[in-house]
Amino acid sequence: MFIVTNTIKIEKDQVEQVVARFNGGHAKASITGIDGFLGFEIWQKKGTSPDFSEIVVTSRWDSEKQQKAWLKTEGFKKAHGRTPDTREQHAQRNGIISNEIAEFETVLTQEPIILD
């Protein structure tokens, strides 16, 4: 499994709005029916600064190749402001201070052990 995280630093009063962007419009459409996409989660860090909060957007994929193929789709480009009609929307990333992408390959998975 291939996992990508995007850690986003957000102004405290904008967290709900930023999270909502991942659940609708171009963002949701960009991953619907994509080959190899296993799902995503958004985690909110506990105990951050009084000035900002952090969320981590985590997407899971069957393979790195499939995730990289998604980056080339029109849906991804629209969701990330890389088309002429979405550049202005993307430039107005209200509340986002910074972000950092990291990629991981699963090397061990532990399933729950059920005792009889």
N, C-alpha and C. Protein backbone atom coordinates (compact mmCIF):
# COMPACT_ATOMS: atom_id res chain seq x y z
N MET A 1 0.86 -1.18 0.00
CA MET A 1 0.00 0.00 0.00
C MET A 1 0.90 1.23 0.00
N PHE A 2 0.46 2.28 -0.70
CA PHE A 2 1.17 3.54 -0.79
C PHE A 2 0.31 4.60 -0.11
N ILE A 3 0.93 5.39 0.76
CA ILE A 3 0.20 6.39 1.53
C ILE A 3 0.84 7.75 1.34
N VAL A 4 -0.01 8.76 1.12
CA VAL A 4 0.46 10.13 0.99
C VAL A 4 -0.20 10.96 2.08
N THR A 5 0.61 11.76 2.78
CA THR A 5 0.04 12.67 3.77
C THR A 5 0.31 14.11 3.34
N ASN A 6 -0.64 14.97 3.65
CA ASN A 6 -0.49 16.40 3.42
C ASN A 6 -0.80 17.07 4.75
N THR A 7 0.24 17.53 5.44
CA THR A 7 0.07 18.21 6.73
C THR A 7 -0.14 19.69 6.44
N ILE A 8 -1.29 20.20 6.87
CA ILE A 8 -1.68 21.57 6.54
C ILE A 8 -1.82 22.38 7.82
N LYS A 9 -1.09 23.47 7.89
CA LYS A 9 -1.19 24.41 9.02
C LYS A 9 -2.27 25.43 8.65
N ILE A 10 -3.26 25.61 9.55
CA ILE A 10 -4.44 26.41 9.24
C ILE A 10 -4.71 27.41 10.36
N GLU A 11 -5.16 28.60 10.00
CA GLU A 11 -5.61 29.57 10.99
C GLU A 11 -6.75 28.94 11.79
N LYS A 12 -6.73 29.12 13.12
CA LYS A 12 -7.69 28.45 14.02
C LYS A 12 -9.14 28.59 13.57
N ASP A 13 -9.54 29.77 13.14
CA ASP A 13 -10.95 30.00 12.82
C ASP A 13 -11.35 29.49 11.43
N GLN A 14 -10.42 28.87 10.70
CA GLN A 14 -10.71 28.41 9.34
C GLN A 14 -10.70 26.89 9.19
N VAL A 15 -10.48 26.16 10.28
CA VAL A 15 -10.33 24.70 10.20
C VAL A 15 -11.56 24.04 9.59
N GLU A 16 -12.75 24.36 10.07
CA GLU A 16 -13.96 23.73 9.56
C GLU A 16 -14.15 23.98 8.06
N GLN A 17 -13.86 25.19 7.61
CA GLN A 17 -14.03 25.53 6.20
C GLN A 17 -13.03 24.76 5.33
N VAL A 18 -11.79 24.64 5.79
CA VAL A 18 -10.77 23.92 5.02
C VAL A 18 -11.14 22.44 4.94
N VAL A 19 -11.55 21.85 6.05
CA VAL A 19 -11.95 20.44 6.05
C VAL A 19 -13.14 20.23 5.11
N ALA A 20 -14.09 21.15 5.12
CA ALA A 20 -15.27 21.03 4.27
C ALA A 20 -14.91 21.02 2.79
N ARG A 21 -13.84 21.70 2.41
CA ARG A 21 -13.42 21.72 1.00
C ARG A 21 -13.04 20.33 0.50
N PHE A 22 -12.58 19.46 1.40
CA PHE A 22 -12.20 18.11 1.00
C PHE A 22 -13.42 17.19 0.82
N ASN A 23 -14.58 17.64 1.26
CA ASN A 23 -15.76 16.79 1.23
C ASN A 23 -16.76 17.18 0.15
N GLY A 24 -16.37 18.04 -0.75
CA GLY A 24 -17.35 18.43 -1.75
C GLY A 24 -16.68 18.97 -3.00
N GLY A 25 -17.52 19.30 -3.96
CA GLY A 25 -17.06 19.93 -5.18
C GLY A 25 -15.99 19.16 -5.91
N HIS A 26 -14.99 19.90 -6.42
CA HIS A 26 -13.91 19.31 -7.20
C HIS A 26 -13.12 18.29 -6.40
N ALA A 27 -12.93 18.52 -5.10
CA ALA A 27 -12.12 17.62 -4.29
C ALA A 27 -12.70 16.21 -4.26
N LYS A 28 -13.97 16.11 -3.96
CA LYS A 28 -14.62 14.80 -3.89
C LYS A 28 -14.69 14.15 -5.27
N ALA A 29 -14.99 14.94 -6.27
CA ALA A 29 -15.10 14.41 -7.64
C ALA A 29 -13.76 13.92 -8.16
N SER A 30 -12.67 14.52 -7.69
CA SER A 30 -11.36 14.17 -8.24
C SER A 30 -10.92 12.76 -7.89
N ILE A 31 -11.50 12.15 -6.85
CA ILE A 31 -11.09 10.80 -6.45
C ILE A 31 -12.16 9.74 -6.70
N THR A 32 -13.35 10.15 -7.09
CA THR A 32 -14.43 9.21 -7.32
C THR A 32 -14.10 8.30 -8.50
N GLY A 33 -14.08 7.00 -8.25
CA GLY A 33 -13.85 6.02 -9.29
C GLY A 33 -12.41 5.91 -9.78
N ILE A 34 -11.46 6.48 -9.07
CA ILE A 34 -10.06 6.43 -9.49
C ILE A 34 -9.47 5.06 -9.16
N ASP A 35 -8.85 4.44 -10.15
CA ASP A 35 -8.24 3.12 -10.01
C ASP A 35 -7.15 3.15 -8.94
N GLY A 36 -7.23 2.23 -7.99
CA GLY A 36 -6.21 2.10 -6.96
C GLY A 36 -6.44 2.93 -5.72
N PHE A 37 -7.43 3.83 -5.73
CA PHE A 37 -7.71 4.67 -4.57
C PHE A 37 -8.43 3.85 -3.52
N LEU A 38 -7.86 3.80 -2.32
CA LEU A 38 -8.45 3.01 -1.23
C LEU A 38 -9.21 3.84 -0.22
N GLY A 39 -9.00 5.15 -0.21
CA GLY A 39 -9.72 6.01 0.73
C GLY A 39 -8.82 7.08 1.31
N PHE A 40 -9.45 7.98 2.04
CA PHE A 40 -8.65 8.99 2.73
C PHE A 40 -9.29 9.34 4.05
N GLU A 41 -8.47 9.91 4.92
CA GLU A 41 -8.91 10.37 6.23
C GLU A 41 -8.31 11.75 6.46
N ILE A 42 -8.97 12.52 7.28
CA ILE A 42 -8.40 13.79 7.73
C ILE A 42 -8.28 13.71 9.24
N TRP A 43 -7.08 13.94 9.70
CA TRP A 43 -6.81 13.93 11.14
C TRP A 43 -6.55 15.36 11.58
N GLN A 44 -7.07 15.73 12.77
CA GLN A 44 -6.76 17.05 13.33
C GLN A 44 -5.86 16.84 14.54
N LYS A 45 -4.73 17.51 14.51
CA LYS A 45 -3.75 17.39 15.59
C LYS A 45 -4.30 18.02 16.87
N LYS A 46 -4.11 17.33 17.96
CA LYS A 46 -4.53 17.84 19.26
C LYS A 46 -3.40 18.67 19.86
N GLY A 47 -3.78 19.69 20.60
CA GLY A 47 -2.80 20.47 21.35
C GLY A 47 -1.86 21.31 20.52
N THR A 48 -2.36 21.92 19.46
CA THR A 48 -1.50 22.80 18.65
C THR A 48 -1.44 24.18 19.27
N SER A 49 -0.80 25.08 18.59
CA SER A 49 -0.61 26.46 19.02
C SER A 49 -1.96 27.18 19.18
N PRO A 50 -2.00 28.20 20.01
CA PRO A 50 -3.24 29.00 20.10
C PRO A 50 -3.52 29.78 18.81
N ASP A 51 -2.51 29.93 17.96
CA ASP A 51 -2.64 30.73 16.74
C ASP A 51 -3.05 29.92 15.52
N PHE A 52 -2.78 28.62 15.51
CA PHE A 52 -3.08 27.81 14.35
C PHE A 52 -3.40 26.38 14.77
N SER A 53 -3.96 25.64 13.83
CA SER A 53 -4.25 24.23 14.02
C SER A 53 -3.59 23.48 12.87
N GLU A 54 -3.49 22.16 13.00
CA GLU A 54 -2.95 21.35 11.93
C GLU A 54 -3.88 20.21 11.63
N ILE A 55 -4.06 19.94 10.33
CA ILE A 55 -4.75 18.74 9.92
C ILE A 55 -3.79 17.94 9.04
N VAL A 56 -4.01 16.64 8.99
CA VAL A 56 -3.23 15.78 8.12
C VAL A 56 -4.22 15.05 7.22
N VAL A 57 -4.12 15.30 5.92
CA VAL A 57 -4.95 14.61 4.95
C VAL A 57 -4.15 13.38 4.51
N THR A 58 -4.71 12.20 4.74
CA THR A 58 -4.02 10.95 4.46
C THR A 58 -4.78 10.18 3.40
N SER A 59 -4.13 9.93 2.25
CA SER A 59 -4.77 9.12 1.21
C SER A 59 -4.03 7.80 1.07
N ARG A 60 -4.82 6.74 0.84
CA ARG A 60 -4.26 5.38 0.72
C ARG A 60 -4.51 4.86 -0.69
N TRP A 61 -3.48 4.21 -1.25
CA TRP A 61 -3.51 3.74 -2.63
C TRP A 61 -2.97 2.33 -2.70
N ASP A 62 -3.43 1.57 -3.70
CA ASP A 62 -2.87 0.25 -3.94
C ASP A 62 -1.39 0.34 -4.27
N SER A 63 -1.02 1.37 -5.06
CA SER A 63 0.38 1.49 -5.48
C SER A 63 0.74 2.95 -5.72
N GLU A 64 2.03 3.21 -5.70
CA GLU A 64 2.53 4.55 -6.02
C GLU A 64 2.20 4.91 -7.46
N LYS A 65 2.30 3.94 -8.36
CA LYS A 65 2.00 4.17 -9.78
C LYS A 65 0.57 4.69 -9.96
N GLN A 66 -0.38 4.11 -9.24
CA GLN A 66 -1.77 4.55 -9.36
C GLN A 66 -1.96 5.95 -8.77
N GLN A 67 -1.28 6.25 -7.68
CA GLN A 67 -1.39 7.58 -7.09
C GLN A 67 -0.81 8.62 -8.03
N LYS A 68 0.32 8.31 -8.64
CA LYS A 68 0.96 9.25 -9.58
C LYS A 68 0.10 9.44 -10.83
N ALA A 69 -0.60 8.40 -11.26
CA ALA A 69 -1.50 8.52 -12.41
C ALA A 69 -2.65 9.48 -12.08
N TRP A 70 -3.14 9.44 -10.85
CA TRP A 70 -4.21 10.35 -10.43
C TRP A 70 -3.76 11.81 -10.52
N LEU A 71 -2.49 12.07 -10.22
CA LEU A 71 -1.96 13.43 -10.27
C LEU A 71 -2.07 14.04 -11.67
N LYS A 72 -2.18 13.19 -12.68
CA LYS A 72 -2.26 13.65 -14.07
C LYS A 72 -3.69 13.81 -14.58
N THR A 73 -4.68 13.46 -13.74
CA THR A 73 -6.07 13.52 -14.18
C THR A 73 -6.61 14.95 -14.15
N GLU A 74 -7.62 15.18 -14.96
CA GLU A 74 -8.28 16.48 -14.98
C GLU A 74 -8.94 16.78 -13.63
N GLY A 75 -9.48 15.74 -12.99
CA GLY A 75 -10.11 15.92 -11.68
C GLY A 75 -9.12 16.43 -10.64
N PHE A 76 -7.93 15.86 -10.60
CA PHE A 76 -6.91 16.35 -9.67
C PHE A 76 -6.55 17.79 -9.97
N LYS A 77 -6.35 18.10 -11.26
CA LYS A 77 -5.96 19.45 -11.64
C LYS A 77 -7.02 20.47 -11.24
N LYS A 78 -8.30 20.13 -11.43
CA LYS A 78 -9.37 21.04 -11.02
C LYS A 78 -9.40 21.23 -9.52
N ALA A 79 -9.29 20.12 -8.78
CA ALA A 79 -9.37 20.19 -7.31
C ALA A 79 -8.22 20.97 -6.71
N HIS A 80 -7.11 21.05 -7.42
CA HIS A 80 -5.92 21.70 -6.88
C HIS A 80 -5.57 23.01 -7.60
N GLY A 81 -6.56 23.58 -8.29
CA GLY A 81 -6.39 24.89 -8.89
C GLY A 81 -5.38 24.94 -10.00
N ARG A 82 -5.32 23.89 -10.79
CA ARG A 82 -4.33 23.83 -11.87
C ARG A 82 -4.97 23.87 -13.26
N THR A 83 -6.17 24.41 -13.32
CA THR A 83 -6.82 24.63 -14.60
C THR A 83 -7.19 26.11 -14.67
N PRO A 84 -7.38 26.66 -15.87
CA PRO A 84 -7.70 28.09 -15.98
C PRO A 84 -8.91 28.50 -15.15
N ASP A 85 -9.93 27.66 -15.07
CA ASP A 85 -11.15 28.03 -14.33
C ASP A 85 -11.04 27.80 -12.83
N THR A 86 -9.97 27.21 -12.32
CA THR A 86 -9.85 26.99 -10.88
C THR A 86 -8.65 27.69 -10.26
N ARG A 87 -7.82 28.35 -11.05
CA ARG A 87 -6.61 29.00 -10.51
C ARG A 87 -6.97 30.11 -9.52
N GLU A 88 -7.97 30.91 -9.84
CA GLU A 88 -8.36 32.00 -8.94
C GLU A 88 -8.89 31.45 -7.63
N GLN A 89 -9.70 30.42 -7.70
CA GLN A 89 -10.25 29.78 -6.50
C GLN A 89 -9.11 29.25 -5.63
N HIS A 90 -8.12 28.63 -6.25
CA HIS A 90 -6.99 28.07 -5.52
C HIS A 90 -6.14 29.17 -4.88
N ALA A 91 -6.00 30.30 -5.57
CA ALA A 91 -5.20 31.41 -5.05
C ALA A 91 -5.79 31.96 -3.76
N GLN A 92 -7.09 31.78 -3.59
CA GLN A 92 -7.79 32.27 -2.40
C GLN A 92 -7.92 31.15 -1.37
N ARG A 93 -6.81 30.54 -1.02
CA ARG A 93 -6.81 29.43 -0.07
C ARG A 93 -6.98 29.97 1.34
N ASN A 94 -8.13 30.53 1.63
CA ASN A 94 -8.39 31.16 2.92
C ASN A 94 -8.05 30.24 4.07
N GLY A 95 -7.25 30.76 4.99
CA GLY A 95 -6.95 30.06 6.22
C GLY A 95 -5.73 29.17 6.18
N ILE A 96 -5.24 28.80 5.00
CA ILE A 96 -4.09 27.90 4.93
C ILE A 96 -2.80 28.71 5.06
N ILE A 97 -2.01 28.33 6.04
CA ILE A 97 -0.74 29.00 6.29
C ILE A 97 0.38 28.32 5.50
N SER A 98 0.42 26.98 5.58
CA SER A 98 1.45 26.21 4.87
C SER A 98 1.02 24.76 4.78
N ASN A 99 1.74 23.99 3.97
CA ASN A 99 1.48 22.56 3.92
C ASN A 99 2.75 21.81 3.54
N GLU A 100 2.78 20.52 3.88
CA GLU A 100 3.93 19.67 3.59
C GLU A 100 3.45 18.28 3.20
N ILE A 101 3.92 17.79 2.05
CA ILE A 101 3.56 16.47 1.53
C ILE A 101 4.62 15.45 1.95
N ALA A 102 4.18 14.25 2.34
CA ALA A 102 5.10 13.14 2.62
C ALA A 102 4.51 11.87 2.01
N GLU A 103 5.37 10.96 1.56
CA GLU A 103 4.94 9.71 0.95
C GLU A 103 5.52 8.54 1.72
N PHE A 104 4.70 7.46 1.84
CA PHE A 104 5.10 6.29 2.61
C PHE A 104 4.71 5.02 1.88
N GLU A 105 5.52 4.00 2.04
CA GLU A 105 5.22 2.66 1.54
C GLU A 105 4.97 1.79 2.77
N THR A 106 3.87 1.05 2.77
CA THR A 106 3.58 0.17 3.91
C THR A 106 4.58 -0.98 3.92
N VAL A 107 5.23 -1.19 5.06
CA VAL A 107 6.20 -2.28 5.18
C VAL A 107 5.74 -3.34 6.17
N LEU A 108 4.72 -3.03 6.97
CA LEU A 108 4.18 -4.01 7.91
C LEU A 108 2.75 -3.61 8.26
N THR A 109 1.87 -4.58 8.26
CA THR A 109 0.48 -4.36 8.67
C THR A 109 0.15 -5.42 9.71
N GLN A 110 -0.42 -5.00 10.83
CA GLN A 110 -0.81 -5.93 11.88
C GLN A 110 -2.35 -5.95 11.95
N GLU A 111 -2.91 -7.08 11.70
CA GLU A 111 -4.36 -7.24 11.80
C GLU A 111 -4.71 -7.53 13.25
N PRO A 112 -5.95 -7.22 13.68
CA PRO A 112 -6.35 -7.52 15.06
C PRO A 112 -6.27 -9.02 15.33
N ILE A 113 -5.85 -9.36 16.51
CA ILE A 113 -5.80 -10.77 16.92
C ILE A 113 -7.04 -11.04 17.77
N ILE A 114 -7.83 -12.02 17.35
CA ILE A 114 -9.06 -12.36 18.08
C ILE A 114 -8.80 -13.61 18.89
N LEU A 115 -8.99 -13.49 20.17
CA LEU A 115 -8.80 -14.63 21.08
C LEU A 115 -10.13 -15.36 21.27
N ASP A 116 -10.07 -16.67 21.24
CA ASP A 116 -11.30 -17.45 21.44
C ASP A 116 -11.64 -17.57 22.90
